[in-house]
Amino acid sequence: MIKNMKMKFLFSIFFTLFLCGFVFSQAFNQTKTDEKAEAILKKAIEKLGGDKYLQVKSQIGRGRFSILRDNVIVSFQSFVDVIVFPDKERTEFKGSAKNVQTNVGKSGWIFDGDAEVVKEQDKAQIEGFERGINASLDNLLRGGWRNDGAVLSYVGKRQASLGKRNDVVKLVYTNGFAVEFEFTDDGTPAKSIFKRTNADNEEITEEDRYAQFVEVQGIKTPFIIDRFTNKAQSSRINYDSVEFNKAIPDSIFAKPKSAKELKKDLKL
């Protein structure tokens, strides 16, 4: 959860008077639309835990990450994901080898366990991390976008299932990147949708669907996130556990001097 930056990951006296009246009318309608969108966000925040949700500073998630093709799991890895909001994240994957991806703002590094190499992330990887933040549910509901000049609007209702329709809000950033978020009638987040351009300059639609909300420390969080790429499921995140507001040392985000330092399990 889109416009054309990835949608593109996104305008005589008689005529003067006519246009002034038209602009005023549009501004009035936009104000009403914004109020509707804000009300939907407020309802969702209350559904997820209210102030407890808003006061989350860090998150540690553990679980499994699966890759799917033609509705079949073709590979999976266990993971530990550590986030310090708003823009620090370290994710460790364990499968046939250990791999680590770490980001701090506009910088980042990765550890390739097969090659046993630590290297800086390239521009595309950094941009992917930033896009992930901008498209995230937490960034929407905790208001990280408000400092970026993004615009929130109400789109309307959208068919969800038989007899059910979701409310849709849209977030458009100054670079044109846009994300749509859907919410059920009771305020539960349902999905997010955005578009991006791949290496072959093809437009790709990404959709995250949220499921199995579990209450942890008074906060409801989805334990399943399914990613659909061009309407076909491409991955699943399945959490086994989530912890909030645990103290996280800054040292875990620092690039290690050698690959040997990453052979040990992350201890928090």
C-alpha atoms as a PDB file:
ATOM      1  CA  MET A   1       0.000   0.000   0.000  1.00  0.00           C
ATOM      2  CA  ILE A   2      -0.203   4.306  -6.205  1.00  0.00           C
ATOM      3  CA  LYS A   3       1.018   6.679  -8.385  1.00  0.00           C
ATOM      4  CA  ASN A   4       3.487   7.104 -10.958  1.00  0.00           C
ATOM      5  CA  MET A   5       6.810   7.338  -9.248  1.00  0.00           C
ATOM      6  CA  LYS A   6       6.127   3.833  -8.314  1.00  0.00           C
ATOM      7  CA  MET A   7       2.895   4.569  -9.602  1.00  0.00           C
ATOM      8  CA  LYS A   8       5.262   7.034 -11.094  1.00  0.00           C
ATOM      9  CA  PHE A   9       6.188   4.248  -6.654  1.00  0.00           C
ATOM     10  CA  LEU A  10       2.473  10.032  -8.515  1.00  0.00           C
ATOM     11  CA  PHE A  11      -1.639  18.842 -10.967  1.00  0.00           C
ATOM     12  CA  SER A  12     -11.105  37.291 -18.681  1.00  0.00           C
ATOM     13  CA  ILE A  13     -13.039  38.291 -15.421  1.00  0.00           C
ATOM     14  CA  PHE A  14     -15.793  35.763 -16.094  1.00  0.00           C
ATOM     15  CA  PHE A  15     -13.342  32.907 -16.251  1.00  0.00           C
ATOM     16  CA  THR A  16     -11.407  34.257 -13.261  1.00  0.00           C
ATOM     17  CA  LEU A  17     -14.549  34.336 -11.144  1.00  0.00           C
ATOM     18  CA  PHE A  18     -15.568  30.904 -12.383  1.00  0.00           C
ATOM     19  CA  LEU A  19     -12.154  29.409 -11.552  1.00  0.00           C
ATOM     20  CA  CYS A  20     -12.068  31.063  -8.127  1.00  0.00           C
ATOM     21  CA  GLY A  21     -15.425  29.525  -7.313  1.00  0.00           C
ATOM     22  CA  PHE A  22     -14.245  26.143  -8.620  1.00  0.00           C
ATOM     23  CA  VAL A  23     -11.008  26.240  -6.605  1.00  0.00           C
ATOM     24  CA  PHE A  24     -12.888  27.233  -3.451  1.00  0.00           C
ATOM     25  CA  SER A  25     -15.292  24.358  -3.954  1.00  0.00           C
ATOM     26  CA  GLN A  26     -12.415  21.918  -4.520  1.00  0.00           C
ATOM     27  CA  ALA A  27     -10.573  23.153  -1.413  1.00  0.00           C
ATOM     28  CA  PHE A  28     -13.739  22.752   0.652  1.00  0.00           C
ATOM     29  CA  ASN A  29     -14.265  19.206  -0.596  1.00  0.00           C
ATOM     30  CA  GLN A  30     -10.603  18.355   0.023  1.00  0.00           C
ATOM     31  CA  THR A  31     -10.923  19.567   3.618  1.00  0.00           C
ATOM     32  CA  LYS A  32     -13.898  17.282   4.159  1.00  0.00           C
ATOM     33  CA  THR A  33     -12.022  14.396   2.543  1.00  0.00           C
ATOM     34  CA  ASP A  34      -8.983  14.938   4.757  1.00  0.00           C
ATOM     35  CA  GLU A  35     -11.164  14.960   7.870  1.00  0.00           C
ATOM     36  CA  LYS A  36     -12.666  11.628   6.805  1.00  0.00           C
ATOM     37  CA  ALA A  37      -9.215  10.140   6.256  1.00  0.00           C
ATOM     38  CA  GLU A  38      -7.999  11.406   9.641  1.00  0.00           C
ATOM     39  CA  ALA A  39     -11.058   9.891  11.326  1.00  0.00           C
ATOM     40  CA  ILE A  40     -10.251   6.514   9.769  1.00  0.00           C
ATOM     41  CA  LEU A  41      -6.669   6.700  11.038  1.00  0.00           C
ATOM     42  CA  LYS A  42      -7.867   7.628  14.511  1.00  0.00           C
ATOM     43  CA  LYS A  43     -10.242   4.659  14.563  1.00  0.00           C
ATOM     44  CA  ALA A  44      -7.467   2.294  13.456  1.00  0.00           C
ATOM     45  CA  ILE A  45      -5.090   3.605  16.133  1.00  0.00           C
ATOM     46  CA  GLU A  46      -7.700   2.988  18.827  1.00  0.00           C
ATOM     47  CA  LYS A  47      -8.289  -0.500  17.437  1.00  0.00           C
ATOM     48  CA  LEU A  48      -4.575  -1.322  17.687  1.00  0.00           C
ATOM     49  CA  GLY A  49      -4.103  -0.025  21.223  1.00  0.00           C
ATOM     50  CA  GLY A  50      -4.474   3.762  21.265  1.00  0.00           C
ATOM     51  CA  ASP A  51      -1.702   5.540  23.175  1.00  0.00           C
ATOM     52  CA  LYS A  52       0.118   2.253  23.814  1.00  0.00           C
ATOM     53  CA  TYR A  53       0.404   1.764  20.060  1.00  0.00           C
ATOM     54  CA  LEU A  54       1.528   5.340  19.492  1.00  0.00           C
ATOM     55  CA  GLN A  55       4.200   5.131  22.201  1.00  0.00           C
ATOM     56  CA  VAL A  56       6.040   2.165  20.676  1.00  0.00           C
ATOM     57  CA  LYS A  57       9.731   3.050  20.288  1.00  0.00           C
ATOM     58  CA  SER A  58      11.173  -0.341  19.359  1.00  0.00           C
ATOM     59  CA  GLN A  59      10.027  -3.748  18.135  1.00  0.00           C
ATOM     60  CA  ILE A  60      11.626  -7.190  18.030  1.00  0.00           C
ATOM     61  CA  GLY A  61       9.966  -9.810  15.860  1.00  0.00           C
ATOM     62  CA  ARG A  62      10.879 -13.453  15.421  1.00  0.00           C
ATOM     63  CA  GLY A  63       9.378 -15.883  12.951  1.00  0.00           C
ATOM     64  CA  ARG A  64       9.576 -17.329   9.455  1.00  0.00           C
ATOM     65  CA  PHE A  65       9.859 -15.703   6.039  1.00  0.00           C
ATOM     66  CA  SER A  66       8.618 -17.789   3.097  1.00  0.00           C
ATOM     67  CA  ILE A  67       8.986 -17.286  -0.650  1.00  0.00           C
ATOM     68  CA  LEU A  68       6.063 -18.530  -2.743  1.00  0.00           C
ATOM     69  CA  ARG A  69       5.674 -19.295  -6.421  1.00  0.00           C
ATOM     70  CA  ASP A  70       2.423 -20.523  -8.000  1.00  0.00           C
ATOM     71  CA  ASN A  71       0.932 -20.718  -4.477  1.00  0.00           C
ATOM     72  CA  VAL A  72       3.650 -23.121  -3.331  1.00  0.00           C
ATOM     73  CA  ILE A  73       6.377 -22.375  -0.755  1.00  0.00           C
ATOM     74  CA  VAL A  74       9.681 -22.739  -2.572  1.00  0.00           C
ATOM     75  CA  SER A  75      11.937 -21.658   0.320  1.00  0.00           C
ATOM     76  CA  PHE A  76      11.768 -20.335   3.857  1.00  0.00           C
ATOM     77  CA  GLN A  77      14.081 -18.910   6.490  1.00  0.00           C
ATOM     78  CA  SER A  78      13.791 -18.072  10.154  1.00  0.00           C
ATOM     79  CA  PHE A  79      14.372 -14.432  11.026  1.00  0.00           C
ATOM     80  CA  VAL A  80      14.944 -11.951  13.829  1.00  0.00           C
ATOM     81  CA  ASP A  81      13.875  -8.414  12.975  1.00  0.00           C
ATOM     82  CA  VAL A  82      14.887  -5.515  15.229  1.00  0.00           C
ATOM     83  CA  ILE A  83      13.422  -2.049  14.667  1.00  0.00           C
ATOM     84  CA  VAL A  84      14.086   1.211  16.470  1.00  0.00           C
ATOM     85  CA  PHE A  85      11.597   3.709  15.099  1.00  0.00           C
ATOM     86  CA  PRO A  86      11.594   5.645  12.910  1.00  0.00           C
ATOM     87  CA  ASP A  87      14.453   4.465  10.673  1.00  0.00           C
ATOM     88  CA  LYS A  88      16.744   1.855  12.212  1.00  0.00           C
ATOM     89  CA  GLU A  89      16.338  -1.809  11.355  1.00  0.00           C
ATOM     90  CA  ARG A  90      18.426  -4.962  11.477  1.00  0.00           C
ATOM     91  CA  THR A  91      17.095  -8.242  10.092  1.00  0.00           C
ATOM     92  CA  GLU A  92      18.914 -11.559  10.392  1.00  0.00           C
ATOM     93  CA  PHE A  93      17.849 -14.484   8.201  1.00  0.00           C
ATOM     94  CA  LYS A  94      18.860 -18.079   8.784  1.00  0.00           C
ATOM     95  CA  GLY A  95      18.449 -20.781   6.193  1.00  0.00           C
ATOM     96  CA  SER A  96      21.249 -22.652   4.468  1.00  0.00           C
ATOM     97  CA  ALA A  97      23.387 -19.639   5.453  1.00  0.00           C
ATOM     98  CA  LYS A  98      23.038 -16.565   7.646  1.00  0.00           C
ATOM     99  CA  ASN A  99      22.319 -13.211   6.008  1.00  0.00           C
ATOM    100  CA  VAL A 100      21.961  -9.816   7.659  1.00  0.00           C
ATOM    101  CA  GLN A 101      20.501  -6.562   6.381  1.00  0.00           C
ATOM    102  CA  THR A 102      20.918  -3.415   8.463  1.00  0.00           C
ATOM    103  CA  ASN A 103      19.724   0.116   7.759  1.00  0.00           C
ATOM    104  CA  VAL A 104      20.092   3.415   9.587  1.00  0.00           C
ATOM    105  CA  GLY A 105      18.391   6.250   7.757  1.00  0.00           C
ATOM    106  CA  LYS A 106      20.033   6.718   4.367  1.00  0.00           C
ATOM    107  CA  SER A 107      22.864   4.265   5.008  1.00  0.00           C
ATOM    108  CA  GLY A 108      23.066   0.528   5.383  1.00  0.00           C
ATOM    109  CA  TRP A 109      25.143  -2.628   5.124  1.00  0.00           C
ATOM    110  CA  ILE A 110      24.549  -6.302   4.384  1.00  0.00           C
ATOM    111  CA  PHE A 111      26.237  -9.553   5.315  1.00  0.00           C
ATOM    112  CA  ASP A 112      26.235 -12.296   2.686  1.00  0.00           C
ATOM    113  CA  GLY A 113      26.672 -15.518   4.633  1.00  0.00           C
ATOM    114  CA  ASP A 114      27.406 -17.653   1.587  1.00  0.00           C
ATOM    115  CA  ALA A 115      30.297 -15.429   0.532  1.00  0.00           C
ATOM    116  CA  GLU A 116      31.095 -14.373   4.131  1.00  0.00           C
ATOM    117  CA  VAL A 117      31.316 -10.758   3.013  1.00  0.00           C
ATOM    118  CA  VAL A 118      30.132  -7.535   4.661  1.00  0.00           C
ATOM    119  CA  LYS A 119      29.483  -4.650   2.278  1.00  0.00           C
ATOM    120  CA  GLU A 120      27.712  -1.326   2.000  1.00  0.00           C
ATOM    121  CA  GLN A 121      24.222  -1.323   0.540  1.00  0.00           C
ATOM    122  CA  ASP A 122      23.903   0.140  -2.933  1.00  0.00           C
ATOM    123  CA  LYS A 123      21.588   2.966  -3.959  1.00  0.00           C
ATOM    124  CA  ALA A 124      18.766   0.635  -5.012  1.00  0.00           C
ATOM    125  CA  GLN A 125      18.848  -1.188  -1.669  1.00  0.00           C
ATOM    126  CA  ILE A 126      18.749   2.076   0.293  1.00  0.00           C
ATOM    127  CA  GLU A 127      15.850   3.299  -1.834  1.00  0.00           C
ATOM    128  CA  GLY A 128      14.054   0.011  -1.232  1.00  0.00           C
ATOM    129  CA  PHE A 129      14.380   0.486   2.531  1.00  0.00           C
ATOM    130  CA  GLU A 130      13.069   4.048   2.334  1.00  0.00           C
ATOM    131  CA  ARG A 131      10.180   2.902   0.162  1.00  0.00           C
ATOM    132  CA  GLY A 132       9.384   0.205   2.717  1.00  0.00           C
ATOM    133  CA  ILE A 133       9.160   2.808   5.490  1.00  0.00           C
ATOM    134  CA  ASN A 134       6.967   5.112   3.401  1.00  0.00           C
ATOM    135  CA  ALA A 135       4.634   2.229   2.531  1.00  0.00           C
ATOM    136  CA  SER A 136       4.424   0.842   6.065  1.00  0.00           C
ATOM    137  CA  LEU A 137       1.308   0.789   8.209  1.00  0.00           C
ATOM    138  CA  ASP A 138       3.255   2.032  11.239  1.00  0.00           C
ATOM    139  CA  ASN A 139       4.548   5.064   9.352  1.00  0.00           C
ATOM    140  CA  LEU A 140       0.977   5.914   8.352  1.00  0.00           C
ATOM    141  CA  LEU A 141      -0.623   5.504  11.775  1.00  0.00           C
ATOM    142  CA  ARG A 142       2.230   6.958  13.843  1.00  0.00           C
ATOM    143  CA  GLY A 143       2.446   9.967  11.545  1.00  0.00           C
ATOM    144  CA  GLY A 144       6.019   9.714  10.263  1.00  0.00           C
ATOM    145  CA  TRP A 145       4.772  10.988   6.886  1.00  0.00           C
ATOM    146  CA  ARG A 146       3.593  14.295   8.378  1.00  0.00           C
ATOM    147  CA  ASN A 147       7.151  15.666   8.431  1.00  0.00           C
ATOM    148  CA  ASP A 148       7.761  14.664   4.816  1.00  0.00           C
ATOM    149  CA  GLY A 149       5.176  16.907   3.162  1.00  0.00           C
ATOM    150  CA  ALA A 150       2.991  13.920   2.189  1.00  0.00           C
ATOM    151  CA  VAL A 151      -0.728  14.433   1.579  1.00  0.00           C
ATOM    152  CA  LEU A 152      -3.423  12.186   3.053  1.00  0.00           C
ATOM    153  CA  SER A 153      -6.823  11.839   1.395  1.00  0.00           C
ATOM    154  CA  TYR A 154      -9.921   9.675   1.551  1.00  0.00           C
ATOM    155  CA  VAL A 155     -10.479   7.578  -1.586  1.00  0.00           C
ATOM    156  CA  GLY A 156     -13.822   5.934  -0.751  1.00  0.00           C
ATOM    157  CA  LYS A 157     -15.158   2.433  -0.244  1.00  0.00           C
ATOM    158  CA  ARG A 158     -13.746  -0.636  -2.004  1.00  0.00           C
ATOM    159  CA  GLN A 159     -15.151  -4.132  -2.326  1.00  0.00           C
ATOM    160  CA  ALA A 160     -13.458  -6.459   0.165  1.00  0.00           C
ATOM    161  CA  SER A 161     -15.544  -9.632   0.209  1.00  0.00           C
ATOM    162  CA  LEU A 162     -19.161 -10.592  -0.294  1.00  0.00           C
ATOM    163  CA  GLY A 163     -21.261  -7.903   1.367  1.00  0.00           C
ATOM    164  CA  LYS A 164     -18.248  -6.088   2.850  1.00  0.00           C
ATOM    165  CA  ARG A 165     -16.447  -2.932   1.762  1.00  0.00           C
ATOM    166  CA  ASN A 166     -13.262  -1.388   3.132  1.00  0.00           C
ATOM    167  CA  ASP A 167     -12.490   2.290   3.649  1.00  0.00           C
ATOM    168  CA  VAL A 168      -9.521   3.398   1.532  1.00  0.00           C
ATOM    169  CA  VAL A 169      -7.132   6.252   2.305  1.00  0.00           C
ATOM    170  CA  LYS A 170      -4.267   7.387   0.117  1.00  0.00           C
ATOM    171  CA  LEU A 171      -0.899   8.827   1.072  1.00  0.00           C
ATOM    172  CA  VAL A 172       1.031  10.713  -1.629  1.00  0.00           C
ATOM    173  CA  TYR A 173       4.614  11.844  -1.043  1.00  0.00           C
ATOM    174  CA  THR A 174       6.259  14.871  -2.631  1.00  0.00           C
ATOM    175  CA  ASN A 175       8.188  12.659  -5.079  1.00  0.00           C
ATOM    176  CA  GLY A 176       4.933  11.176  -6.390  1.00  0.00           C
ATOM    177  CA  PHE A 177       5.198   7.862  -4.554  1.00  0.00           C
ATOM    178  CA  ALA A 178       1.732   6.883  -3.342  1.00  0.00           C
ATOM    179  CA  VAL A 179       0.296   4.192  -1.095  1.00  0.00           C
ATOM    180  CA  GLU A 180      -3.301   3.150  -0.530  1.00  0.00           C
ATOM    181  CA  PHE A 181      -4.374   1.615   2.774  1.00  0.00           C
ATOM    182  CA  GLU A 182      -7.590  -0.297   3.367  1.00  0.00           C
ATOM    183  CA  PHE A 183      -9.420  -0.611   6.694  1.00  0.00           C
ATOM    184  CA  THR A 184     -12.406  -2.720   7.699  1.00  0.00           C
ATOM    185  CA  ASP A 185     -15.534  -1.219   9.248  1.00  0.00           C
ATOM    186  CA  ASP A 186     -14.219  -1.714  12.802  1.00  0.00           C
ATOM    187  CA  GLY A 187     -10.907   0.026  12.000  1.00  0.00           C
ATOM    188  CA  THR A 188      -8.739  -3.056  11.528  1.00  0.00           C
ATOM    189  CA  PRO A 189      -5.999  -2.534   8.895  1.00  0.00           C
ATOM    190  CA  ALA A 190      -6.633  -4.882   5.964  1.00  0.00           C
ATOM    191  CA  LYS A 191      -4.026  -4.136   3.306  1.00  0.00           C
ATOM    192  CA  SER A 192      -1.662  -1.632   1.708  1.00  0.00           C
ATOM    193  CA  ILE A 193      -1.012  -1.228  -2.030  1.00  0.00           C
ATOM    194  CA  PHE A 194       1.713   0.602  -3.936  1.00  0.00           C
ATOM    195  CA  LYS A 195       3.517   0.495  -7.267  1.00  0.00           C
ATOM    196  CA  ARG A 196       7.210   0.447  -8.046  1.00  0.00           C
ATOM    197  CA  THR A 197       9.388   0.161 -11.125  1.00  0.00           C
ATOM    198  CA  ASN A 198      11.738  -2.814 -11.425  1.00  0.00           C
ATOM    199  CA  ALA A 199      15.193  -3.013 -12.997  1.00  0.00           C
ATOM    200  CA  ASP A 200      13.624  -3.610 -16.432  1.00  0.00           C
ATOM    201  CA  ASN A 201      11.566  -0.411 -16.063  1.00  0.00           C
ATOM    202  CA  GLU A 202       8.361  -2.417 -15.665  1.00  0.00           C
ATOM    203  CA  GLU A 203       5.640  -1.200 -13.308  1.00  0.00           C
ATOM    204  CA  ILE A 204       5.005  -3.673 -10.487  1.00  0.00           C
ATOM    205  CA  THR A 205       2.050  -3.591  -8.089  1.00  0.00           C
ATOM    206  CA  GLU A 206       2.823  -4.701  -4.531  1.00  0.00           C
ATOM    207  CA  GLU A 207       0.096  -5.482  -2.011  1.00  0.00           C
ATOM    208  CA  ASP A 208       0.505  -6.411   1.663  1.00  0.00           C
ATOM    209  CA  ARG A 209      -2.400  -8.137   3.396  1.00  0.00           C
ATOM    210  CA  TYR A 210      -2.536  -8.120   7.211  1.00  0.00           C
ATOM    211  CA  ALA A 211      -3.992 -11.038   9.150  1.00  0.00           C
ATOM    212  CA  GLN A 212      -4.089 -12.816  12.527  1.00  0.00           C
ATOM    213  CA  PHE A 213      -3.924  -9.780  14.799  1.00  0.00           C
ATOM    214  CA  VAL A 214      -2.610 -10.739  18.240  1.00  0.00           C
ATOM    215  CA  GLU A 215      -2.584  -8.535  21.342  1.00  0.00           C
ATOM    216  CA  VAL A 216       0.922  -8.127  22.796  1.00  0.00           C
ATOM    217  CA  GLN A 217       1.548  -5.768  25.731  1.00  0.00           C
ATOM    218  CA  GLY A 218      -1.815  -4.133  25.067  1.00  0.00           C
ATOM    219  CA  ILE A 219      -0.999  -3.602  21.378  1.00  0.00           C
ATOM    220  CA  LYS A 220      -2.624  -5.492  18.513  1.00  0.00           C
ATOM    221  CA  THR A 221      -0.217  -6.443  15.745  1.00  0.00           C
ATOM    222  CA  PRO A 222      -0.558  -8.658  12.642  1.00  0.00           C
ATOM    223  CA  PHE A 223       1.275 -11.968  13.003  1.00  0.00           C
ATOM    224  CA  ILE A 224       0.824 -12.729   9.299  1.00  0.00           C
ATOM    225  CA  ILE A 225       1.682 -10.391   6.422  1.00  0.00           C
ATOM    226  CA  ASP A 226       1.185 -11.758   2.924  1.00  0.00           C
ATOM    227  CA  ARG A 227       2.835  -9.989  -0.013  1.00  0.00           C
ATOM    228  CA  PHE A 228       1.175 -10.164  -3.431  1.00  0.00           C
ATOM    229  CA  THR A 229       3.142  -9.045  -6.489  1.00  0.00           C
ATOM    230  CA  ASN A 230       0.988  -8.310  -9.530  1.00  0.00           C
ATOM    231  CA  LYS A 231      -1.852 -10.178  -7.768  1.00  0.00           C
ATOM    232  CA  ALA A 232       0.153 -13.382  -7.215  1.00  0.00           C
ATOM    233  CA  GLN A 233       1.347 -14.231  -3.704  1.00  0.00           C
ATOM    234  CA  SER A 234       5.123 -13.890  -3.556  1.00  0.00           C
ATOM    235  CA  SER A 235       5.954 -14.123   0.171  1.00  0.00           C
ATOM    236  CA  ARG A 236       4.647 -14.519   3.705  1.00  0.00           C
ATOM    237  CA  ILE A 237       5.926 -13.164   7.006  1.00  0.00           C
ATOM    238  CA  ASN A 238       4.717 -15.316   9.888  1.00  0.00           C
ATOM    239  CA  TYR A 239       5.650 -14.065  13.348  1.00  0.00           C
ATOM    240  CA  ASP A 240       6.144 -16.449  16.256  1.00  0.00           C
ATOM    241  CA  SER A 241       6.668 -13.634  18.759  1.00  0.00           C
ATOM    242  CA  VAL A 242       6.789  -9.841  18.987  1.00  0.00           C
ATOM    243  CA  GLU A 243       8.186  -7.632  21.777  1.00  0.00           C
ATOM    244  CA  PHE A 244       7.737  -3.897  22.141  1.00  0.00           C
ATOM    245  CA  ASN A 245       9.815  -1.171  23.787  1.00  0.00           C
ATOM    246  CA  LYS A 246      12.777  -3.314  24.781  1.00  0.00           C
ATOM    247  CA  ALA A 247      16.028  -1.353  25.087  1.00  0.00           C
ATOM    248  CA  ILE A 248      18.096  -1.849  21.903  1.00  0.00           C
ATOM    249  CA  PRO A 249      21.812  -0.974  21.911  1.00  0.00           C
ATOM    250  CA  ASP A 250      22.948   1.249  19.014  1.00  0.00           C
ATOM    251  CA  SER A 251      25.945  -1.042  18.557  1.00  0.00           C
ATOM    252  CA  ILE A 252      23.883  -3.702  16.737  1.00  0.00           C
ATOM    253  CA  PHE A 253      23.335  -1.286  13.841  1.00  0.00           C
ATOM    254  CA  ALA A 254      27.028  -0.457  13.405  1.00  0.00           C
ATOM    255  CA  LYS A 255      28.836  -2.083  10.502  1.00  0.00           C
ATOM    256  CA  PRO A 256      31.154  -4.798  11.874  1.00  0.00           C
ATOM    257  CA  LYS A 257      34.862  -4.720  11.128  1.00  0.00           C
ATOM    258  CA  SER A 258      34.835  -8.297   9.865  1.00  0.00           C
ATOM    259  CA  ALA A 259      32.420 -11.064   8.899  1.00  0.00           C
ATOM    260  CA  LYS A 260      33.584 -13.134  11.879  1.00  0.00           C
ATOM    261  CA  GLU A 261      31.684 -10.839  14.249  1.00  0.00           C
ATOM    262  CA  LEU A 262      28.394 -11.881  12.594  1.00  0.00           C
ATOM    263  CA  LYS A 263      28.754 -15.630  13.038  1.00  0.00           C
ATOM    264  CA  LYS A 264      27.365 -15.419  16.572  1.00  0.00           C
ATOM    265  CA  ASP A 265      23.632 -15.175  17.168  1.00  0.00           C
ATOM    266  CA  LEU A 266      22.230 -11.735  17.939  1.00  0.00           C
ATOM    267  CA  LYS A 267      21.560 -11.425  21.670  1.00  0.00           C
ATOM    268  CA  LEU A 268      19.144  -8.815  22.988  1.00  0.00           C
END
